[in-house]
Amino acid sequence: YGGDPAARDEAMARLPTLAIVARDGLEVPDE
């Protein structure tokens, strides 16, 4: 996001409901 945390936060706030597949040992939010 051009190195801008505020732009990142704005973009992430626009994401729809997330469904995240855990893999390669990376943590994901339980919800």
PDB file of all heavy atoms in Angstrom:
ATOM      1  N   TYR A   1       0.841  -1.201   0.000  1.00  0.00           N
ATOM      2  CA  TYR A   1       0.000   0.000   0.000  1.00  0.00           C
ATOM      3  C   TYR A   1       0.875   1.249   0.000  1.00  0.00           C
ATOM      4  O   TYR A   1       0.581   2.231   0.682  1.00  0.00           O
ATOM      5  CB  TYR A   1      -0.933  -0.020   1.217  1.00  0.00           C
ATOM      6  CG  TYR A   1      -1.672  -1.329   1.350  1.00  0.00           C
ATOM      7  CD1 TYR A   1      -1.128  -2.382   2.096  1.00  0.00           C
ATOM      8  CD2 TYR A   1      -2.880  -1.542   0.694  1.00  0.00           C
ATOM      9  CE1 TYR A   1      -1.781  -3.599   2.198  1.00  0.00           C
ATOM     10  CE2 TYR A   1      -3.538  -2.762   0.789  1.00  0.00           C
ATOM     11  CZ  TYR A   1      -2.980  -3.783   1.539  1.00  0.00           C
ATOM     12  OH  TYR A   1      -3.620  -4.990   1.640  1.00  0.00           O
ATOM     13  N   GLY A   2       1.981   1.174  -0.711  1.00  0.00           N
ATOM     14  CA  GLY A   2       2.901   2.298  -0.785  1.00  0.00           C
ATOM     15  C   GLY A   2       3.594   2.582   0.531  1.00  0.00           C
ATOM     16  O   GLY A   2       4.038   3.706   0.768  1.00  0.00           O
ATOM     17  N   GLY A   3       3.686   1.575   1.409  1.00  0.00           N
ATOM     18  CA  GLY A   3       4.340   1.756   2.697  1.00  0.00           C
ATOM     19  C   GLY A   3       3.489   2.510   3.712  1.00  0.00           C
ATOM     20  O   GLY A   3       3.979   2.889   4.769  1.00  0.00           O
ATOM     21  N   ASP A   4       2.225   2.722   3.394  1.00  0.00           N
ATOM     22  CA  ASP A   4       1.341   3.533   4.228  1.00  0.00           C
ATOM     23  C   ASP A   4       0.408   2.641   5.062  1.00  0.00           C
ATOM     24  O   ASP A   4      -0.547   2.072   4.522  1.00  0.00           O
ATOM     25  CB  ASP A   4       0.518   4.452   3.327  1.00  0.00           C
ATOM     26  CG  ASP A   4      -0.407   5.382   4.075  1.00  0.00           C
ATOM     27  OD1 ASP A   4      -0.522   5.278   5.307  1.00  0.00           O
ATOM     28  OD2 ASP A   4      -1.036   6.228   3.402  1.00  0.00           O
ATOM     29  N   PRO A   5       0.661   2.521   6.380  1.00  0.00           N
ATOM     30  CA  PRO A   5      -0.208   1.694   7.228  1.00  0.00           C
ATOM     31  C   PRO A   5      -1.673   2.145   7.214  1.00  0.00           C
ATOM     32  O   PRO A   5      -2.578   1.323   7.312  1.00  0.00           O
ATOM     33  CB  PRO A   5       0.392   1.833   8.631  1.00  0.00           C
ATOM     34  CG  PRO A   5       1.822   2.215   8.395  1.00  0.00           C
ATOM     35  CD  PRO A   5       1.793   3.061   7.144  1.00  0.00           C
ATOM     36  N   ALA A   6      -1.924   3.448   7.076  1.00  0.00           N
ATOM     37  CA  ALA A   6      -3.311   3.936   7.033  1.00  0.00           C
ATOM     38  C   ALA A   6      -4.012   3.445   5.764  1.00  0.00           C
ATOM     39  O   ALA A   6      -5.183   3.059   5.806  1.00  0.00           O
ATOM     40  CB  ALA A   6      -3.347   5.454   7.119  1.00  0.00           C
ATOM     41  N   ALA A   7      -3.294   3.445   4.639  1.00  0.00           N
ATOM     42  CA  ALA A   7      -3.875   2.936   3.386  1.00  0.00           C
ATOM     43  C   ALA A   7      -4.144   1.446   3.511  1.00  0.00           C
ATOM     44  O   ALA A   7      -5.175   0.944   3.041  1.00  0.00           O
ATOM     45  CB  ALA A   7      -2.950   3.234   2.214  1.00  0.00           C
ATOM     46  N   ARG A   8      -3.223   0.721   4.159  1.00  0.00           N
ATOM     47  CA  ARG A   8      -3.427  -0.709   4.395  1.00  0.00           C
ATOM     48  C   ARG A   8      -4.673  -0.935   5.246  1.00  0.00           C
ATOM     49  O   ARG A   8      -5.523  -1.770   4.928  1.00  0.00           O
ATOM     50  CB  ARG A   8      -2.207  -1.304   5.089  1.00  0.00           C
ATOM     51  CG  ARG A   8      -2.291  -2.805   5.311  1.00  0.00           C
ATOM     52  CD  ARG A   8      -2.223  -3.327   6.729  1.00  0.00           C
ATOM     53  NE  ARG A   8      -2.164  -2.419   7.815  1.00  0.00           N
ATOM     54  CZ  ARG A   8      -1.183  -2.366   8.701  1.00  0.00           C
ATOM     55  NH1 ARG A   8      -0.125  -3.151   8.596  1.00  0.00           N
ATOM     56  NH2 ARG A   8      -1.251  -1.528   9.699  1.00  0.00           N
ATOM     57  N   ASP A   9      -4.808  -0.177   6.318  1.00  0.00           N
ATOM     58  CA  ASP A   9      -5.946  -0.335   7.217  1.00  0.00           C
ATOM     59  C   ASP A   9      -7.263  -0.038   6.500  1.00  0.00           C
ATOM     60  O   ASP A   9      -8.266  -0.740   6.702  1.00  0.00           O
ATOM     61  CB  ASP A   9      -5.802   0.563   8.440  1.00  0.00           C
ATOM     62  CG  ASP A   9      -4.630   0.146   9.333  1.00  0.00           C
ATOM     63  OD1 ASP A   9      -4.081  -0.970   9.140  1.00  0.00           O
ATOM     64  OD2 ASP A   9      -4.259   0.957  10.207  1.00  0.00           O
ATOM     65  N   GLU A  10      -7.256   0.982   5.649  1.00  0.00           N
ATOM     66  CA  GLU A  10      -8.463   1.334   4.888  1.00  0.00           C
ATOM     67  C   GLU A  10      -8.836   0.198   3.942  1.00  0.00           C
ATOM     68  O   GLU A  10     -10.002  -0.182   3.838  1.00  0.00           O
ATOM     69  CB  GLU A  10      -8.227   2.637   4.113  1.00  0.00           C
ATOM     70  CG  GLU A  10      -9.423   3.124   3.303  1.00  0.00           C
ATOM     71  CD  GLU A  10      -9.554   2.456   1.937  1.00  0.00           C
ATOM     72  OE1 GLU A  10      -8.508   2.151   1.317  1.00  0.00           O
ATOM     73  OE2 GLU A  10     -10.696   2.231   1.493  1.00  0.00           O
ATOM     74  N   ALA A  11      -7.848  -0.346   3.251  1.00  0.00           N
ATOM     75  CA  ALA A  11      -8.107  -1.446   2.320  1.00  0.00           C
ATOM     76  C   ALA A  11      -8.610  -2.680   3.071  1.00  0.00           C
ATOM     77  O   ALA A  11      -9.569  -3.331   2.649  1.00  0.00           O
ATOM     78  CB  ALA A  11      -6.847  -1.782   1.531  1.00  0.00           C
ATOM     79  N   MET A  12      -7.982  -3.004   4.189  1.00  0.00           N
ATOM     80  CA  MET A  12      -8.390  -4.187   4.955  1.00  0.00           C
ATOM     81  C   MET A  12      -9.794  -4.028   5.527  1.00  0.00           C
ATOM     82  O   MET A  12     -10.533  -5.005   5.629  1.00  0.00           O
ATOM     83  CB  MET A  12      -7.358  -4.505   6.029  1.00  0.00           C
ATOM     84  CG  MET A  12      -6.051  -4.985   5.392  1.00  0.00           C
ATOM     85  SD  MET A  12      -4.918  -5.737   6.530  1.00  0.00           S
ATOM     86  CE  MET A  12      -5.849  -7.139   7.091  1.00  0.00           C
ATOM     87  N   ALA A  13     -10.175  -2.804   5.852  1.00  0.00           N
ATOM     88  CA  ALA A  13     -11.524  -2.561   6.371  1.00  0.00           C
ATOM     89  C   ALA A  13     -12.585  -2.818   5.301  1.00  0.00           C
ATOM     90  O   ALA A  13     -13.743  -3.097   5.625  1.00  0.00           O
ATOM     91  CB  ALA A  13     -11.630  -1.130   6.901  1.00  0.00           C
ATOM     92  N   ARG A  14     -12.194  -2.734   4.036  1.00  0.00           N
ATOM     93  CA  ARG A  14     -13.136  -2.968   2.936  1.00  0.00           C
ATOM     94  C   ARG A  14     -13.277  -4.440   2.555  1.00  0.00           C
ATOM     95  O   ARG A  14     -14.124  -4.795   1.750  1.00  0.00           O
ATOM     96  CB  ARG A  14     -12.697  -2.182   1.695  1.00  0.00           C
ATOM     97  CG  ARG A  14     -12.825  -0.689   1.864  1.00  0.00           C
ATOM     98  CD  ARG A  14     -12.535   0.091   0.593  1.00  0.00           C
ATOM     99  NE  ARG A  14     -11.134   0.027   0.179  1.00  0.00           N
ATOM    100  CZ  ARG A  14     -10.699  -0.565  -0.942  1.00  0.00           C
ATOM    101  NH1 ARG A  14     -11.535  -1.158  -1.758  1.00  0.00           N
ATOM    102  NH2 ARG A  14      -9.414  -0.559  -1.240  1.00  0.00           N
ATOM    103  N   LEU A  15     -12.427  -5.300   3.127  1.00  0.00           N
ATOM    104  CA  LEU A  15     -12.493  -6.719   2.783  1.00  0.00           C
ATOM    105  C   LEU A  15     -13.820  -7.316   3.222  1.00  0.00           C
ATOM    106  O   LEU A  15     -14.337  -6.977   4.290  1.00  0.00           O
ATOM    107  CB  LEU A  15     -11.352  -7.488   3.445  1.00  0.00           C
ATOM    108  CG  LEU A  15      -9.953  -7.229   2.896  1.00  0.00           C
ATOM    109  CD1 LEU A  15      -8.909  -7.863   3.815  1.00  0.00           C
ATOM    110  CD2 LEU A  15      -9.816  -7.759   1.484  1.00  0.00           C
ATOM    111  N   PRO A  16     -14.366  -8.219   2.420  1.00  0.00           N
ATOM    112  CA  PRO A  16     -15.572  -8.927   2.873  1.00  0.00           C
ATOM    113  C   PRO A  16     -15.194  -9.930   3.966  1.00  0.00           C
ATOM    114  O   PRO A  16     -14.039  -9.991   4.391  1.00  0.00           O
ATOM    115  CB  PRO A  16     -16.040  -9.643   1.593  1.00  0.00           C
ATOM    116  CG  PRO A  16     -14.796  -9.854   0.805  1.00  0.00           C
ATOM    117  CD  PRO A  16     -13.914  -8.668   1.115  1.00  0.00           C
ATOM    118  N   THR A  17     -16.145 -10.725   4.388  1.00  0.00           N
ATOM    119  CA  THR A  17     -15.863 -11.783   5.355  1.00  0.00           C
ATOM    120  C   THR A  17     -14.706 -12.621   4.838  1.00  0.00           C
ATOM    121  O   THR A  17     -14.652 -12.959   3.654  1.00  0.00           O
ATOM    122  CB  THR A  17     -17.108 -12.671   5.539  1.00  0.00           C
ATOM    123  OG1 THR A  17     -18.161 -11.858   6.056  1.00  0.00           O
ATOM    124  CG2 THR A  17     -16.838 -13.828   6.476  1.00  0.00           C
ATOM    125  N   LEU A  18     -13.780 -12.946   5.736  1.00  0.00           N
ATOM    126  CA  LEU A  18     -12.599 -13.714   5.347  1.00  0.00           C
ATOM    127  C   LEU A  18     -12.744 -15.180   5.727  1.00  0.00           C
ATOM    128  O   LEU A  18     -13.271 -15.508   6.791  1.00  0.00           O
ATOM    129  CB  LEU A  18     -11.351 -13.159   6.033  1.00  0.00           C
ATOM    130  CG  LEU A  18     -10.914 -11.772   5.581  1.00  0.00           C
ATOM    131  CD1 LEU A  18      -9.888 -11.215   6.547  1.00  0.00           C
ATOM    132  CD2 LEU A  18     -10.360 -11.830   4.173  1.00  0.00           C
ATOM    133  N   ALA A  19     -12.274 -16.053   4.851  1.00  0.00           N
ATOM    134  CA  ALA A  19     -12.133 -17.484   5.128  1.00  0.00           C
ATOM    135  C   ALA A  19     -10.683 -17.801   4.779  1.00  0.00           C
ATOM    136  O   ALA A  19     -10.283 -17.722   3.616  1.00  0.00           O
ATOM    137  CB  ALA A  19     -13.097 -18.301   4.289  1.00  0.00           C
ATOM    138  N   ILE A  20      -9.888 -18.119   5.803  1.00  0.00           N
ATOM    139  CA  ILE A  20      -8.444 -18.273   5.627  1.00  0.00           C
ATOM    140  C   ILE A  20      -8.053 -19.721   5.867  1.00  0.00           C
ATOM    141  O   ILE A  20      -8.346 -20.289   6.913  1.00  0.00           O
ATOM    142  CB  ILE A  20      -7.670 -17.346   6.585  1.00  0.00           C
ATOM    143  CG1 ILE A  20      -8.137 -15.900   6.422  1.00  0.00           C
ATOM    144  CG2 ILE A  20      -6.168 -17.469   6.346  1.00  0.00           C
ATOM    145  CD1 ILE A  20      -7.605 -14.951   7.491  1.00  0.00           C
ATOM    146  N   VAL A  21      -7.374 -20.297   4.876  1.00  0.00           N
ATOM    147  CA  VAL A  21      -6.900 -21.674   4.976  1.00  0.00           C
ATOM    148  C   VAL A  21      -5.519 -21.669   5.604  1.00  0.00           C
ATOM    149  O   VAL A  21      -4.597 -21.043   5.078  1.00  0.00           O
ATOM    150  CB  VAL A  21      -6.850 -22.339   3.577  1.00  0.00           C
ATOM    151  CG1 VAL A  21      -6.315 -23.760   3.674  1.00  0.00           C
ATOM    152  CG2 VAL A  21      -8.217 -22.313   2.917  1.00  0.00           C
ATOM    153  N   ALA A  22      -5.391 -22.353   6.749  1.00  0.00           N
ATOM    154  CA  ALA A  22      -4.088 -22.445   7.410  1.00  0.00           C
ATOM    155  C   ALA A  22      -3.180 -23.340   6.577  1.00  0.00           C
ATOM    156  O   ALA A  22      -3.617 -24.351   6.035  1.00  0.00           O
ATOM    157  CB  ALA A  22      -4.257 -23.022   8.814  1.00  0.00           C
ATOM    158  N   ARG A  23      -1.934 -22.933   6.465  1.00  0.00           N
ATOM    159  CA  ARG A  23      -0.968 -23.770   5.756  1.00  0.00           C
ATOM    160  C   ARG A  23       0.442 -23.337   6.084  1.00  0.00           C
ATOM    161  O   ARG A  23       0.672 -22.211   6.499  1.00  0.00           O
ATOM    162  CB  ARG A  23      -1.213 -23.783   4.258  1.00  0.00           C
ATOM    163  CG  ARG A  23      -1.060 -22.475   3.555  1.00  0.00           C
ATOM    164  CD  ARG A  23      -1.459 -22.639   2.109  1.00  0.00           C
ATOM    165  NE  ARG A  23      -0.601 -21.842   1.265  1.00  0.00           N
ATOM    166  CZ  ARG A  23      -0.930 -21.448   0.068  1.00  0.00           C
ATOM    167  NH1 ARG A  23      -2.055 -21.816  -0.453  1.00  0.00           N
ATOM    168  NH2 ARG A  23      -0.112 -20.715  -0.642  1.00  0.00           N
ATOM    169  N   ASP A  24       1.335 -24.260   5.876  1.00  0.00           N
ATOM    170  CA  ASP A  24       2.762 -24.010   6.074  1.00  0.00           C
ATOM    171  C   ASP A  24       3.081 -23.444   7.450  1.00  0.00           C
ATOM    172  O   ASP A  24       4.009 -22.658   7.610  1.00  0.00           O
ATOM    173  CB  ASP A  24       3.311 -23.092   4.968  1.00  0.00           C
ATOM    174  CG  ASP A  24       3.168 -23.710   3.583  1.00  0.00           C
ATOM    175  OD1 ASP A  24       3.251 -24.955   3.480  1.00  0.00           O
ATOM    176  OD2 ASP A  24       2.955 -22.968   2.612  1.00  0.00           O
ATOM    177  N   GLY A  25       2.285 -23.831   8.453  1.00  0.00           N
ATOM    178  CA  GLY A  25       2.560 -23.425   9.828  1.00  0.00           C
ATOM    179  C   GLY A  25       2.235 -21.985  10.159  1.00  0.00           C
ATOM    180  O   GLY A  25       2.528 -21.534  11.262  1.00  0.00           O
ATOM    181  N   LEU A  26       1.640 -21.243   9.243  1.00  0.00           N
ATOM    182  CA  LEU A  26       1.311 -19.846   9.503  1.00  0.00           C
ATOM    183  C   LEU A  26       0.037 -19.744  10.331  1.00  0.00           C
ATOM    184  O   LEU A  26      -0.941 -20.455  10.083  1.00  0.00           O
ATOM    185  CB  LEU A  26       1.140 -19.078   8.188  1.00  0.00           C
ATOM    186  CG  LEU A  26       2.390 -18.971   7.321  1.00  0.00           C
ATOM    187  CD1 LEU A  26       2.045 -18.361   5.970  1.00  0.00           C
ATOM    188  CD2 LEU A  26       3.456 -18.139   8.015  1.00  0.00           C
ATOM    189  N   GLU A  27       0.041 -18.860  11.293  1.00  0.00           N
ATOM    190  CA  GLU A  27      -1.118 -18.658  12.160  1.00  0.00           C
ATOM    191  C   GLU A  27      -2.200 -17.877  11.423  1.00  0.00           C
ATOM    192  O   GLU A  27      -1.907 -16.977  10.636  1.00  0.00           O
ATOM    193  CB  GLU A  27      -0.702 -17.884  13.416  1.00  0.00           C
ATOM    194  CG  GLU A  27       0.249 -18.648  14.312  1.00  0.00           C
ATOM    195  CD  GLU A  27      -0.408 -19.873  14.945  1.00  0.00           C
ATOM    196  OE1 GLU A  27      -1.579 -19.781  15.346  1.00  0.00           O
ATOM    197  OE2 GLU A  27       0.267 -20.916  15.025  1.00  0.00           O
ATOM    198  N   VAL A  28      -3.441 -18.232  11.715  1.00  0.00           N
ATOM    199  CA  VAL A  28      -4.586 -17.481  11.200  1.00  0.00           C
ATOM    200  C   VAL A  28      -5.567 -17.266  12.347  1.00  0.00           C
ATOM    201  O   VAL A  28      -5.639 -18.089  13.270  1.00  0.00           O
ATOM    202  CB  VAL A  28      -5.286 -18.193  10.021  1.00  0.00           C
ATOM    203  CG1 VAL A  28      -4.347 -18.386   8.849  1.00  0.00           C
ATOM    204  CG2 VAL A  28      -5.881 -19.511  10.436  1.00  0.00           C
ATOM    205  N   PRO A  29      -6.322 -16.180  12.303  1.00  0.00           N
ATOM    206  CA  PRO A  29      -7.307 -15.938  13.365  1.00  0.00           C
ATOM    207  C   PRO A  29      -8.363 -17.052  13.374  1.00  0.00           C
ATOM    208  O   PRO A  29      -8.890 -17.418  12.318  1.00  0.00           O
ATOM    209  CB  PRO A  29      -7.938 -14.595  12.980  1.00  0.00           C
ATOM    210  CG  PRO A  29      -7.004 -13.971  11.991  1.00  0.00           C
ATOM    211  CD  PRO A  29      -6.291 -15.095  11.321  1.00  0.00           C
ATOM    212  N   ASP A  30      -8.654 -17.576  14.549  1.00  0.00           N
ATOM    213  CA  ASP A  30      -9.618 -18.675  14.655  1.00  0.00           C
ATOM    214  C   ASP A  30     -10.964 -18.331  14.023  1.00  0.00           C
ATOM    215  O   ASP A  30     -11.595 -19.180  13.397  1.00  0.00           O
ATOM    216  CB  ASP A  30      -9.831 -19.064  16.122  1.00  0.00           C
ATOM    217  CG  ASP A  30      -8.655 -19.835  16.695  1.00  0.00           C
ATOM    218  OD1 ASP A  30      -7.878 -20.423  15.907  1.00  0.00           O
ATOM    219  OD2 ASP A  30      -8.504 -19.832  17.931  1.00  0.00           O
ATOM    220  N   GLU A  31     -11.410 -17.082  14.172  1.00  0.00           N
ATOM    221  CA  GLU A  31     -12.727 -16.689  13.653  1.00  0.00           C
ATOM    222  C   GLU A  31     -12.783 -16.681  12.122  1.00  0.00           C
ATOM    223  O   GLU A  31     -13.861 -16.644  11.544  1.00  0.00           O
ATOM    224  CB  GLU A  31     -13.166 -15.329  14.213  1.00  0.00           C
ATOM    225  CG  GLU A  31     -12.332 -14.147  13.740  1.00  0.00           C
ATOM    226  CD  GLU A  31     -11.123 -13.840  14.618  1.00  0.00           C
ATOM    227  OE1 GLU A  31     -10.665 -14.712  15.376  1.00  0.00           O
ATOM    228  OE2 GLU A  31     -10.627 -12.707  14.516  1.00  0.00           O
TER     229      GLU A  31
END
